[in-house]
Amino acid sequence: MRLFDGQRAWVIQRISALLLLVLIMLATLALPFAVPLDFSAWRAFAGGALGGPLIALLFGALCAHAWVGMRDIVLDYVQPRGLRFFVLSLIAVVLLGVLVRVLLSLAAVALAA
């Protein structure tokens, strides 16, 4: 928990918010100029040299941003230590599960290409 205390948590949340903003803006600006995408085009993008790392960066920033925000909410509103630990553990497991699932999916796409 000490890793995400005070100013570190604030910096992590701001950096992740900026990353999310930049990546979403890039996707929004590129979307009108892209050809219509189907499953095979998305798969090729995710398995490419640029698409896979961008998707991983997007989900990494999303999970970091969500962790800091949800952690702050739980620390503010959940008072019993046992319940707080359980809720924070549940949130951490879900976010890590999402991130691992995305990374494994990207690895499977890259290996299949």
PDB file of N, CA and C in Angstrom:
ATOM      1  N   MET A   1       0.809  -1.192   0.000  1.00  0.00           N
ATOM      2  CA  MET A   1       0.000   0.000   0.000  1.00  0.00           C
ATOM      3  C   MET A   1       0.858   1.264   0.000  1.00  0.00           C
ATOM      4  N   ARG A   2       2.022   1.218   0.613  1.00  0.00           N
ATOM      5  CA  ARG A   2       2.855   2.410   0.703  1.00  0.00           C
ATOM      6  C   ARG A   2       3.301   2.887  -0.675  1.00  0.00           C
ATOM      7  N   LEU A   3       3.354   1.972  -1.625  1.00  0.00           N
ATOM      8  CA  LEU A   3       3.788   2.331  -2.971  1.00  0.00           C
ATOM      9  C   LEU A   3       2.848   3.356  -3.605  1.00  0.00           C
ATOM     10  N   PHE A   4       1.574   3.309  -3.262  1.00  0.00           N
ATOM     11  CA  PHE A   4       0.587   4.192  -3.880  1.00  0.00           C
ATOM     12  C   PHE A   4       0.061   5.246  -2.923  1.00  0.00           C
ATOM     13  N   ASP A   5       0.843   5.643  -1.930  1.00  0.00           N
ATOM     14  CA  ASP A   5       0.405   6.658  -0.981  1.00  0.00           C
ATOM     15  C   ASP A   5       0.691   8.061  -1.492  1.00  0.00           C
ATOM     16  N   GLY A   6      -0.156   8.990  -1.100  1.00  0.00           N
ATOM     17  CA  GLY A   6       0.078  10.409  -1.279  1.00  0.00           C
ATOM     18  C   GLY A   6       0.394  10.857  -2.686  1.00  0.00           C
ATOM     19  N   GLN A   7       1.540  11.503  -2.810  1.00  0.00           N
ATOM     20  CA  GLN A   7       1.907  12.117  -4.077  1.00  0.00           C
ATOM     21  C   GLN A   7       2.169  11.080  -5.167  1.00  0.00           C
ATOM     22  N   ARG A   8       2.704   9.923  -4.809  1.00  0.00           N
ATOM     23  CA  ARG A   8       2.929   8.874  -5.820  1.00  0.00           C
ATOM     24  C   ARG A   8       1.618   8.466  -6.482  1.00  0.00           C
ATOM     25  N   ALA A   9       0.586   8.275  -5.678  1.00  0.00           N
ATOM     26  CA  ALA A   9      -0.724   7.904  -6.229  1.00  0.00           C
ATOM     27  C   ALA A   9      -1.250   9.009  -7.136  1.00  0.00           C
ATOM     28  N   TRP A  10      -1.082  10.246  -6.709  1.00  0.00           N
ATOM     29  CA  TRP A  10      -1.538  11.387  -7.504  1.00  0.00           C
ATOM     30  C   TRP A  10      -0.814  11.419  -8.848  1.00  0.00           C
ATOM     31  N   VAL A  11       0.511  11.221  -8.829  1.00  0.00           N
ATOM     32  CA  VAL A  11       1.305  11.244 -10.062  1.00  0.00           C
ATOM     33  C   VAL A  11       0.922  10.076 -10.967  1.00  0.00           C
ATOM     34  N   ILE A  12       0.761   8.893 -10.400  1.00  0.00           N
ATOM     35  CA  ILE A  12       0.374   7.722 -11.200  1.00  0.00           C
ATOM     36  C   ILE A  12      -0.979   7.948 -11.861  1.00  0.00           C
ATOM     37  N   GLN A  13      -1.916   8.503 -11.109  1.00  0.00           N
ATOM     38  CA  GLN A  13      -3.241   8.720 -11.689  1.00  0.00           C
ATOM     39  C   GLN A  13      -3.209   9.786 -12.781  1.00  0.00           C
ATOM     40  N   ARG A  14      -2.427  10.835 -12.598  1.00  0.00           N
ATOM     41  CA  ARG A  14      -2.343  11.880 -13.621  1.00  0.00           C
ATOM     42  C   ARG A  14      -1.634  11.389 -14.870  1.00  0.00           C
ATOM     43  N   ILE A  15      -0.553  10.646 -14.704  1.00  0.00           N
ATOM     44  CA  ILE A  15       0.169  10.115 -15.871  1.00  0.00           C
ATOM     45  C   ILE A  15      -0.706   9.118 -16.625  1.00  0.00           C
ATOM     46  N   SER A  16      -1.381   8.244 -15.900  1.00  0.00           N
ATOM     47  CA  SER A  16      -2.256   7.280 -16.572  1.00  0.00           C
ATOM     48  C   SER A  16      -3.419   7.988 -17.265  1.00  0.00           C
ATOM     49  N   ALA A  17      -3.934   9.063 -16.659  1.00  0.00           N
ATOM     50  CA  ALA A  17      -5.012   9.821 -17.312  1.00  0.00           C
ATOM     51  C   ALA A  17      -4.518  10.471 -18.596  1.00  0.00           C
ATOM     52  N   LEU A  18      -3.313  11.013 -18.574  1.00  0.00           N
ATOM     53  CA  LEU A  18      -2.752  11.613 -19.792  1.00  0.00           C
ATOM     54  C   LEU A  18      -2.528  10.558 -20.871  1.00  0.00           C
ATOM     55  N   LEU A  19      -2.012   9.402 -20.488  1.00  0.00           N
ATOM     56  CA  LEU A  19      -1.830   8.316 -21.464  1.00  0.00           C
ATOM     57  C   LEU A  19      -3.163   7.896 -22.073  1.00  0.00           C
ATOM     58  N   LEU A  20      -4.162   7.739 -21.230  1.00  0.00           N
ATOM     59  CA  LEU A  20      -5.486   7.362 -21.738  1.00  0.00           C
ATOM     60  C   LEU A  20      -6.038   8.431 -22.669  1.00  0.00           C
ATOM     61  N   LEU A  21      -5.879   9.684 -22.297  1.00  0.00           N
ATOM     62  CA  LEU A  21      -6.358  10.777 -23.137  1.00  0.00           C
ATOM     63  C   LEU A  21      -5.675  10.771 -24.495  1.00  0.00           C
ATOM     64  N   VAL A  22      -4.363  10.639 -24.511  1.00  0.00           N
ATOM     65  CA  VAL A  22      -3.609  10.643 -25.771  1.00  0.00           C
ATOM     66  C   VAL A  22      -4.009   9.448 -26.636  1.00  0.00           C
ATOM     67  N   LEU A  23      -4.076   8.265 -26.051  1.00  0.00           N
ATOM     68  CA  LEU A  23      -4.407   7.076 -26.837  1.00  0.00           C
ATOM     69  C   LEU A  23      -5.837   7.129 -27.374  1.00  0.00           C
ATOM     70  N   ILE A  24      -6.765   7.599 -26.569  1.00  0.00           N
ATOM     71  CA  ILE A  24      -8.153   7.700 -27.040  1.00  0.00           C
ATOM     72  C   ILE A  24      -8.285   8.765 -28.116  1.00  0.00           C
ATOM     73  N   MET A  25      -7.569   9.877 -27.962  1.00  0.00           N
ATOM     74  CA  MET A  25      -7.610  10.921 -28.996  1.00  0.00           C
ATOM     75  C   MET A  25      -6.992  10.422 -30.301  1.00  0.00           C
ATOM     76  N   LEU A  26      -5.885   9.692 -30.224  1.00  0.00           N
ATOM     77  CA  LEU A  26      -5.276   9.132 -31.432  1.00  0.00           C
ATOM     78  C   LEU A  26      -6.239   8.181 -32.136  1.00  0.00           C
ATOM     79  N   ALA A  27      -6.898   7.334 -31.359  1.00  0.00           N
ATOM     80  CA  ALA A  27      -7.854   6.395 -31.952  1.00  0.00           C
ATOM     81  C   ALA A  27      -9.038   7.135 -32.570  1.00  0.00           C
ATOM     82  N   THR A  28      -9.509   8.162 -31.888  1.00  0.00           N
ATOM     83  CA  THR A  28     -10.643   8.938 -32.394  1.00  0.00           C
ATOM     84  C   THR A  28     -10.283   9.679 -33.681  1.00  0.00           C
ATOM     85  N   LEU A  29      -9.077  10.221 -33.739  1.00  0.00           N
ATOM     86  CA  LEU A  29      -8.646  10.931 -34.937  1.00  0.00           C
ATOM     87  C   LEU A  29      -8.363   9.976 -36.100  1.00  0.00           C
ATOM     88  N   ALA A  30      -7.893   8.781 -35.804  1.00  0.00           N
ATOM     89  CA  ALA A  30      -7.571   7.825 -36.854  1.00  0.00           C
ATOM     90  C   ALA A  30      -8.804   7.099 -37.384  1.00  0.00           C
ATOM     91  N   LEU A  31      -9.841   7.015 -36.584  1.00  0.00           N
ATOM     92  CA  LEU A  31     -11.018   6.235 -36.967  1.00  0.00           C
ATOM     93  C   LEU A  31     -11.687   6.702 -38.259  1.00  0.00           C
ATOM     94  N   PRO A  32     -11.896   7.999 -38.499  1.00  0.00           N
ATOM     95  CA  PRO A  32     -12.555   8.398 -39.743  1.00  0.00           C
ATOM     96  C   PRO A  32     -11.725   8.091 -40.997  1.00  0.00           C
ATOM     97  N   PHE A  33     -10.421   7.989 -40.859  1.00  0.00           N
ATOM     98  CA  PHE A  33      -9.555   7.745 -42.014  1.00  0.00           C
ATOM     99  C   PHE A  33      -9.268   6.271 -42.244  1.00  0.00           C
ATOM    100  N   ALA A  34      -9.671   5.429 -41.328  1.00  0.00           N
ATOM    101  CA  ALA A  34      -9.398   3.995 -41.438  1.00  0.00           C
ATOM    102  C   ALA A  34     -10.457   3.334 -42.323  1.00  0.00           C
ATOM    103  N   VAL A  35     -10.043   2.279 -42.961  1.00  0.00           N
ATOM    104  CA  VAL A  35     -11.000   1.478 -43.718  1.00  0.00           C
ATOM    105  C   VAL A  35     -11.882   0.746 -42.714  1.00  0.00           C
ATOM    106  N   PRO A  36     -13.088   0.358 -43.102  1.00  0.00           N
ATOM    107  CA  PRO A  36     -13.938  -0.380 -42.162  1.00  0.00           C
ATOM    108  C   PRO A  36     -13.220  -1.633 -41.650  1.00  0.00           C
ATOM    109  N   LEU A  37     -13.232  -1.786 -40.347  1.00  0.00           N
ATOM    110  CA  LEU A  37     -12.500  -2.889 -39.739  1.00  0.00           C
ATOM    111  C   LEU A  37     -13.415  -4.067 -39.467  1.00  0.00           C
ATOM    112  N   ASP A  38     -12.926  -5.242 -39.793  1.00  0.00           N
ATOM    113  CA  ASP A  38     -13.603  -6.464 -39.421  1.00  0.00           C
ATOM    114  C   ASP A  38     -12.692  -7.210 -38.439  1.00  0.00           C
ATOM    115  N   PHE A  39     -13.065  -8.416 -38.089  1.00  0.00           N
ATOM    116  CA  PHE A  39     -12.305  -9.172 -37.093  1.00  0.00           C
ATOM    117  C   PHE A  39     -10.877  -9.420 -37.543  1.00  0.00           C
ATOM    118  N   SER A  40     -10.686  -9.783 -38.788  1.00  0.00           N
ATOM    119  CA  SER A  40      -9.333 -10.083 -39.255  1.00  0.00           C
ATOM    120  C   SER A  40      -8.457  -8.833 -39.275  1.00  0.00           C
ATOM    121  N   ALA A  41      -9.040  -7.670 -39.569  1.00  0.00           N
ATOM    122  CA  ALA A  41      -8.263  -6.428 -39.540  1.00  0.00           C
ATOM    123  C   ALA A  41      -7.879  -6.054 -38.112  1.00  0.00           C
ATOM    124  N   TRP A  42      -8.814  -6.223 -37.167  1.00  0.00           N
ATOM    125  CA  TRP A  42      -8.487  -5.952 -35.760  1.00  0.00           C
ATOM    126  C   TRP A  42      -7.418  -6.907 -35.267  1.00  0.00           C
ATOM    127  N   ARG A  43      -7.516  -8.150 -35.685  1.00  0.00           N
ATOM    128  CA  ARG A  43      -6.524  -9.155 -35.271  1.00  0.00           C
ATOM    129  C   ARG A  43      -5.156  -8.813 -35.841  1.00  0.00           C
ATOM    130  N   ALA A  44      -5.120  -8.361 -37.088  1.00  0.00           N
ATOM    131  CA  ALA A  44      -3.852  -7.954 -37.689  1.00  0.00           C
ATOM    132  C   ALA A  44      -3.279  -6.730 -36.973  1.00  0.00           C
ATOM    133  N   PHE A  45      -4.149  -5.799 -36.605  1.00  0.00           N
ATOM    134  CA  PHE A  45      -3.696  -4.614 -35.868  1.00  0.00           C
ATOM    135  C   PHE A  45      -3.139  -5.008 -34.498  1.00  0.00           C
ATOM    136  N   ALA A  46      -3.850  -5.873 -33.786  1.00  0.00           N
ATOM    137  CA  ALA A  46      -3.412  -6.287 -32.450  1.00  0.00           C
ATOM    138  C   ALA A  46      -2.133  -7.112 -32.507  1.00  0.00           C
ATOM    139  N   GLY A  47      -1.908  -7.820 -33.590  1.00  0.00           N
ATOM    140  CA  GLY A  47      -0.698  -8.623 -33.715  1.00  0.00           C
ATOM    141  C   GLY A  47       0.459  -7.869 -34.333  1.00  0.00           C
ATOM    142  N   GLY A  48       0.230  -6.633 -34.741  1.00  0.00           N
ATOM    143  CA  GLY A  48       1.272  -5.845 -35.387  1.00  0.00           C
ATOM    144  C   GLY A  48       2.281  -5.278 -34.404  1.00  0.00           C
ATOM    145  N   ALA A  49       3.324  -4.696 -34.979  1.00  0.00           N
ATOM    146  CA  ALA A  49       4.406  -4.149 -34.163  1.00  0.00           C
ATOM    147  C   ALA A  49       3.968  -2.902 -33.408  1.00  0.00           C
ATOM    148  N   LEU A  50       2.975  -2.185 -33.891  1.00  0.00           N
ATOM    149  CA  LEU A  50       2.508  -0.982 -33.216  1.00  0.00           C
ATOM    150  C   LEU A  50       1.228  -1.217 -32.422  1.00  0.00           C
ATOM    151  N   GLY A  51       0.332  -2.008 -32.953  1.00  0.00           N
ATOM    152  CA  GLY A  51      -0.972  -2.207 -32.326  1.00  0.00           C
ATOM    153  C   GLY A  51      -0.920  -2.930 -30.997  1.00  0.00           C
ATOM    154  N   GLY A  52      -0.171  -4.001 -30.925  1.00  0.00           N
ATOM    155  CA  GLY A  52      -0.078  -4.773 -29.682  1.00  0.00           C
ATOM    156  C   GLY A  52       0.440  -3.954 -28.512  1.00  0.00           C
ATOM    157  N   PRO A  53       1.581  -3.285 -28.672  1.00  0.00           N
ATOM    158  CA  PRO A  53       2.066  -2.447 -27.561  1.00  0.00           C
ATOM    159  C   PRO A  53       1.121  -1.299 -27.197  1.00  0.00           C
ATOM    160  N   LEU A  54       0.438  -0.712 -28.189  1.00  0.00           N
ATOM    161  CA  LEU A  54      -0.516   0.350 -27.879  1.00  0.00           C
ATOM    162  C   LEU A  54      -1.697  -0.169 -27.066  1.00  0.00           C
ATOM    163  N   ILE A  55      -2.187  -1.343 -27.419  1.00  0.00           N
ATOM    164  CA  ILE A  55      -3.290  -1.947 -26.667  1.00  0.00           C
ATOM    165  C   ILE A  55      -2.833  -2.302 -25.257  1.00  0.00           C
ATOM    166  N   ALA A  56      -1.624  -2.859 -25.132  1.00  0.00           N
ATOM    167  CA  ALA A  56      -1.089  -3.189 -23.808  1.00  0.00           C
ATOM    168  C   ALA A  56      -0.906  -1.927 -22.969  1.00  0.00           C
ATOM    169  N   LEU A  57      -0.404  -0.865 -23.577  1.00  0.00           N
ATOM    170  CA  LEU A  57      -0.225   0.406 -22.872  1.00  0.00           C
ATOM    171  C   LEU A  57      -1.568   0.979 -22.439  1.00  0.00           C
ATOM    172  N   LEU A  58      -2.562   0.901 -23.310  1.00  0.00           N
ATOM    173  CA  LEU A  58      -3.896   1.386 -22.985  1.00  0.00           C
ATOM    174  C   LEU A  58      -4.463   0.663 -21.774  1.00  0.00           C
ATOM    175  N   PHE A  59      -4.409  -0.648 -21.778  1.00  0.00           N
ATOM    176  CA  PHE A  59      -4.973  -1.405 -20.661  1.00  0.00           C
ATOM    177  C   PHE A  59      -4.130  -1.286 -19.401  1.00  0.00           C
ATOM    178  N   GLY A  60      -2.815  -1.160 -19.536  1.00  0.00           N
ATOM    179  CA  GLY A  60      -1.978  -0.927 -18.362  1.00  0.00           C
ATOM    180  C   GLY A  60      -2.308   0.401 -17.705  1.00  0.00           C
ATOM    181  N   ALA A  61      -2.459   1.448 -18.509  1.00  0.00           N
ATOM    182  CA  ALA A  61      -2.821   2.757 -17.971  1.00  0.00           C
ATOM    183  C   ALA A  61      -4.219   2.730 -17.377  1.00  0.00           C
ATOM    184  N   LEU A  62      -5.128   2.032 -18.031  1.00  0.00           N
ATOM    185  CA  LEU A  62      -6.500   1.940 -17.523  1.00  0.00           C
ATOM    186  C   LEU A  62      -6.531   1.238 -16.171  1.00  0.00           C
ATOM    187  N   CYS A  63      -5.803   0.148 -16.029  1.00  0.00           N
ATOM    188  CA  CYS A  63      -5.780  -0.582 -14.756  1.00  0.00           C
ATOM    189  C   CYS A  63      -5.101   0.230 -13.657  1.00  0.00           C
ATOM    190  N   ALA A  64      -4.016   0.921 -13.968  1.00  0.00           N
ATOM    191  CA  ALA A  64      -3.345   1.760 -12.966  1.00  0.00           C
ATOM    192  C   ALA A  64      -4.260   2.891 -12.516  1.00  0.00           C
ATOM    193  N   HIS A  65      -4.926   3.525 -13.459  1.00  0.00           N
ATOM    194  CA  HIS A  65      -5.840   4.624 -13.152  1.00  0.00           C
ATOM    195  C   HIS A  65      -7.005   4.124 -12.296  1.00  0.00           C
ATOM    196  N   ALA A  66      -7.558   2.992 -12.673  1.00  0.00           N
ATOM    197  CA  ALA A  66      -8.682   2.432 -11.925  1.00  0.00           C
ATOM    198  C   ALA A  66      -8.253   2.023 -10.519  1.00  0.00           C
ATOM    199  N   TRP A  67      -7.068   1.435 -10.380  1.00  0.00           N
ATOM    200  CA  TRP A  67      -6.601   1.006  -9.069  1.00  0.00           C
ATOM    201  C   TRP A  67      -6.470   2.190  -8.110  1.00  0.00           C
ATOM    202  N   VAL A  68      -5.834   3.255  -8.551  1.00  0.00           N
ATOM    203  CA  VAL A  68      -5.630   4.401  -7.658  1.00  0.00           C
ATOM    204  C   VAL A  68      -6.974   5.021  -7.286  1.00  0.00           C
ATOM    205  N   GLY A  69      -7.856   5.187  -8.236  1.00  0.00           N
ATOM    206  CA  GLY A  69      -9.156   5.778  -7.946  1.00  0.00           C
ATOM    207  C   GLY A  69     -10.004   4.918  -7.032  1.00  0.00           C
ATOM    208  N   MET A  70     -10.068   3.639  -7.302  1.00  0.00           N
ATOM    209  CA  MET A  70     -10.889   2.753  -6.480  1.00  0.00           C
ATOM    210  C   MET A  70     -10.275   2.568  -5.095  1.00  0.00           C
ATOM    211  N   ARG A  71      -8.957   2.537  -5.026  1.00  0.00           N
ATOM    212  CA  ARG A  71      -8.274   2.421  -3.737  1.00  0.00           C
ATOM    213  C   ARG A  71      -8.596   3.629  -2.858  1.00  0.00           C
ATOM    214  N   ASP A  72      -8.560   4.815  -3.447  1.00  0.00           N
ATOM    215  CA  ASP A  72      -8.881   6.013  -2.677  1.00  0.00           C
ATOM    216  C   ASP A  72     -10.325   5.990  -2.176  1.00  0.00           C
ATOM    217  N   ILE A  73     -11.243   5.543  -3.005  1.00  0.00           N
ATOM    218  CA  ILE A  73     -12.645   5.463  -2.601  1.00  0.00           C
ATOM    219  C   ILE A  73     -12.811   4.468  -1.459  1.00  0.00           C
ATOM    220  N   VAL A  74     -12.185   3.301  -1.588  1.00  0.00           N
ATOM    221  CA  VAL A  74     -12.301   2.281  -0.534  1.00  0.00           C
ATOM    222  C   VAL A  74     -11.672   2.787   0.766  1.00  0.00           C
ATOM    223  N   LEU A  75     -10.508   3.407   0.683  1.00  0.00           N
ATOM    224  CA  LEU A  75      -9.859   3.912   1.901  1.00  0.00           C
ATOM    225  C   LEU A  75     -10.694   5.002   2.567  1.00  0.00           C
ATOM    226  N   ASP A  76     -11.424   5.785   1.783  1.00  0.00           N
ATOM    227  CA  ASP A  76     -12.244   6.850   2.357  1.00  0.00           C
ATOM    228  C   ASP A  76     -13.541   6.335   2.979  1.00  0.00           C
ATOM    229  N   TYR A  77     -14.159   5.309   2.385  1.00  0.00           N
ATOM    230  CA  TYR A  77     -15.509   4.950   2.786  1.00  0.00           C
ATOM    231  C   TYR A  77     -15.654   3.595   3.467  1.00  0.00           C
ATOM    232  N   VAL A  78     -14.667   2.730   3.390  1.00  0.00           N
ATOM    233  CA  VAL A  78     -14.761   1.422   4.044  1.00  0.00           C
ATOM    234  C   VAL A  78     -13.865   1.463   5.280  1.00  0.00           C
ATOM    235  N   GLN A  79     -14.470   1.455   6.455  1.00  0.00           N
ATOM    236  CA  GLN A  79     -13.718   1.652   7.692  1.00  0.00           C
ATOM    237  C   GLN A  79     -13.175   0.362   8.328  1.00  0.00           C
ATOM    238  N   PRO A  80     -13.944  -0.715   8.424  1.00  0.00           N
ATOM    239  CA  PRO A  80     -13.391  -1.916   9.070  1.00  0.00           C
ATOM    240  C   PRO A  80     -12.197  -2.461   8.277  1.00  0.00           C
ATOM    241  N   ARG A  81     -11.088  -2.676   8.970  1.00  0.00           N
ATOM    242  CA  ARG A  81      -9.860  -3.082   8.295  1.00  0.00           C
ATOM    243  C   ARG A  81      -9.991  -4.398   7.526  1.00  0.00           C
ATOM    244  N   GLY A  82     -10.684  -5.357   8.097  1.00  0.00           N
ATOM    245  CA  GLY A  82     -10.848  -6.643   7.429  1.00  0.00           C
ATOM    246  C   GLY A  82     -11.625  -6.522   6.127  1.00  0.00           C
ATOM    247  N   LEU A  83     -12.718  -5.774   6.183  1.00  0.00           N
ATOM    248  CA  LEU A  83     -13.523  -5.559   4.982  1.00  0.00           C
ATOM    249  C   LEU A  83     -12.747  -4.747   3.956  1.00  0.00           C
ATOM    250  N   ARG A  84     -12.017  -3.743   4.417  1.00  0.00           N
ATOM    251  CA  ARG A  84     -11.194  -2.915   3.522  1.00  0.00           C
ATOM    252  C   ARG A  84     -10.165  -3.777   2.808  1.00  0.00           C
ATOM    253  N   PHE A  85      -9.492  -4.655   3.547  1.00  0.00           N
ATOM    254  CA  PHE A  85      -8.493  -5.539   2.946  1.00  0.00           C
ATOM    255  C   PHE A  85      -9.134  -6.464   1.914  1.00  0.00           C
ATOM    256  N   PHE A  86     -10.302  -6.999   2.246  1.00  0.00           N
ATOM    257  CA  PHE A  86     -10.995  -7.897   1.322  1.00  0.00           C
ATOM    258  C   PHE A  86     -11.395  -7.167   0.038  1.00  0.00           C
ATOM    259  N   VAL A  87     -11.969  -5.972   0.177  1.00  0.00           N
ATOM    260  CA  VAL A  87     -12.411  -5.220  -1.002  1.00  0.00           C
ATOM    261  C   VAL A  87     -11.219  -4.819  -1.861  1.00  0.00           C
ATOM    262  N   LEU A  88     -10.148  -4.337  -1.240  1.00  0.00           N
ATOM    263  CA  LEU A  88      -8.958  -3.963  -2.010  1.00  0.00           C
ATOM    264  C   LEU A  88      -8.333  -5.177  -2.693  1.00  0.00           C
ATOM    265  N   SER A  89      -8.330  -6.318  -2.011  1.00  0.00           N
ATOM    266  CA  SER A  89      -7.802  -7.542  -2.619  1.00  0.00           C
ATOM    267  C   SER A  89      -8.644  -7.971  -3.808  1.00  0.00           C
ATOM    268  N   LEU A  90      -9.952  -7.877  -3.666  1.00  0.00           N
ATOM    269  CA  LEU A  90     -10.857  -8.233  -4.759  1.00  0.00           C
ATOM    270  C   LEU A  90     -10.641  -7.325  -5.963  1.00  0.00           C
ATOM    271  N   ILE A  91     -10.515  -6.032  -5.719  1.00  0.00           N
ATOM    272  CA  ILE A  91     -10.275  -5.080  -6.803  1.00  0.00           C
ATOM    273  C   ILE A  91      -8.944  -5.385  -7.486  1.00  0.00           C
ATOM    274  N   ALA A  92      -7.905  -5.646  -6.690  1.00  0.00           N
ATOM    275  CA  ALA A  92      -6.591  -5.941  -7.252  1.00  0.00           C
ATOM    276  C   ALA A  92      -6.617  -7.210  -8.091  1.00  0.00           C
ATOM    277  N   VAL A  93      -7.300  -8.241  -7.617  1.00  0.00           N
ATOM    278  CA  VAL A  93      -7.377  -9.499  -8.365  1.00  0.00           C
ATOM    279  C   VAL A  93      -8.115  -9.299  -9.688  1.00  0.00           C
ATOM    280  N   VAL A  94      -9.215  -8.541  -9.657  1.00  0.00           N
ATOM    281  CA  VAL A  94      -9.980  -8.303 -10.887  1.00  0.00           C
ATOM    282  C   VAL A  94      -9.146  -7.504 -11.891  1.00  0.00           C
ATOM    283  N   LEU A  95      -8.500  -6.430 -11.431  1.00  0.00           N
ATOM    284  CA  LEU A  95      -7.708  -5.602 -12.350  1.00  0.00           C
ATOM    285  C   LEU A  95      -6.505  -6.370 -12.896  1.00  0.00           C
ATOM    286  N   LEU A  96      -5.834  -7.135 -12.036  1.00  0.00           N
ATOM    287  CA  LEU A  96      -4.720  -7.950 -12.528  1.00  0.00           C
ATOM    288  C   LEU A  96      -5.205  -9.023 -13.491  1.00  0.00           C
ATOM    289  N   GLY A  97      -6.376  -9.589 -13.216  1.00  0.00           N
ATOM    290  CA  GLY A  97      -6.945 -10.577 -14.123  1.00  0.00           C
ATOM    291  C   GLY A  97      -7.249  -9.991 -15.492  1.00  0.00           C
ATOM    292  N   VAL A  98      -7.796  -8.789 -15.511  1.00  0.00           N
ATOM    293  CA  VAL A  98      -8.070  -8.115 -16.785  1.00  0.00           C
ATOM    294  C   VAL A  98      -6.775  -7.868 -17.543  1.00  0.00           C
ATOM    295  N   LEU A  99      -5.778  -7.355 -16.845  1.00  0.00           N
ATOM    296  CA  LEU A  99      -4.510  -7.049 -17.493  1.00  0.00           C
ATOM    297  C   LEU A  99      -3.812  -8.304 -18.001  1.00  0.00           C
ATOM    298  N   VAL A 100      -3.804  -9.352 -17.210  1.00  0.00           N
ATOM    299  CA  VAL A 100      -3.176 -10.608 -17.651  1.00  0.00           C
ATOM    300  C   VAL A 100      -3.929 -11.190 -18.843  1.00  0.00           C
ATOM    301  N   ARG A 101      -5.252 -11.129 -18.809  1.00  0.00           N
ATOM    302  CA  ARG A 101      -6.055 -11.649 -19.928  1.00  0.00           C
ATOM    303  C   ARG A 101      -5.757 -10.901 -21.221  1.00  0.00           C
ATOM    304  N   VAL A 102      -5.654  -9.587 -21.137  1.00  0.00           N
ATOM    305  CA  VAL A 102      -5.335  -8.791 -22.328  1.00  0.00           C
ATOM    306  C   VAL A 102      -3.945  -9.139 -22.846  1.00  0.00           C
ATOM    307  N   LEU A 103      -2.978  -9.228 -21.946  1.00  0.00           N
ATOM    308  CA  LEU A 103      -1.610  -9.542 -22.370  1.00  0.00           C
ATOM    309  C   LEU A 103      -1.513 -10.938 -22.966  1.00  0.00           C
ATOM    310  N   LEU A 104      -2.215 -11.906 -22.382  1.00  0.00           N
ATOM    311  CA  LEU A 104      -2.209 -13.256 -22.949  1.00  0.00           C
ATOM    312  C   LEU A 104      -2.894 -13.297 -24.310  1.00  0.00           C
ATOM    313  N   SER A 105      -3.974 -12.540 -24.458  1.00  0.00           N
ATOM    314  CA  SER A 105      -4.650 -12.484 -25.751  1.00  0.00           C
ATOM    315  C   SER A 105      -3.746 -11.847 -26.813  1.00  0.00           C
ATOM    316  N   LEU A 106      -3.050 -10.780 -26.438  1.00  0.00           N
ATOM    317  CA  LEU A 106      -2.131 -10.144 -27.390  1.00  0.00           C
ATOM    318  C   LEU A 106      -0.976 -11.079 -27.752  1.00  0.00           C
ATOM    319  N   ALA A 107      -0.488 -11.819 -26.766  1.00  0.00           N
ATOM    320  CA  ALA A 107       0.593 -12.781 -27.043  1.00  0.00           C
ATOM    321  C   ALA A 107       0.106 -13.889 -27.968  1.00  0.00           C
ATOM    322  N   ALA A 108      -1.108 -14.356 -27.769  1.00  0.00           N
ATOM    323  CA  ALA A 108      -1.647 -15.419 -28.627  1.00  0.00           C
ATOM    324  C   ALA A 108      -1.835 -14.908 -30.054  1.00  0.00           C
ATOM    325  N   VAL A 109      -2.288 -13.683 -30.204  1.00  0.00           N
ATOM    326  CA  VAL A 109      -2.465 -13.103 -31.533  1.00  0.00           C
ATOM    327  C   VAL A 109      -1.110 -12.921 -32.201  1.00  0.00           C
ATOM    328  N   ALA A 110      -0.122 -12.456 -31.456  1.00  0.00           N
ATOM    329  CA  ALA A 110       1.202 -12.224 -32.035  1.00  0.00           C
ATOM    330  C   ALA A 110       1.856 -13.543 -32.440  1.00  0.00           C
ATOM    331  N   LEU A 111       1.662 -14.589 -31.650  1.00  0.00           N
ATOM    332  CA  LEU A 111       2.248 -15.883 -31.998  1.00  0.00           C
ATOM    333  C   LEU A 111       1.550 -16.543 -33.171  1.00  0.00           C
ATOM    334  N   ALA A 112       0.259 -16.281 -33.321  1.00  0.00           N
ATOM    335  CA  ALA A 112      -0.494 -16.883 -34.426  1.00  0.00           C
ATOM    336  C   ALA A 112      -0.187 -16.199 -35.749  1.00  0.00           C
ATOM    337  N   ALA A 113       0.295 -14.976 -35.690  1.00  0.00           N
ATOM    338  CA  ALA A 113       0.560 -14.228 -36.936  1.00  0.00           C
ATOM    339  C   ALA A 113       1.815 -14.684 -37.634  1.00  0.00           C
TER     340      ALA A 113
END
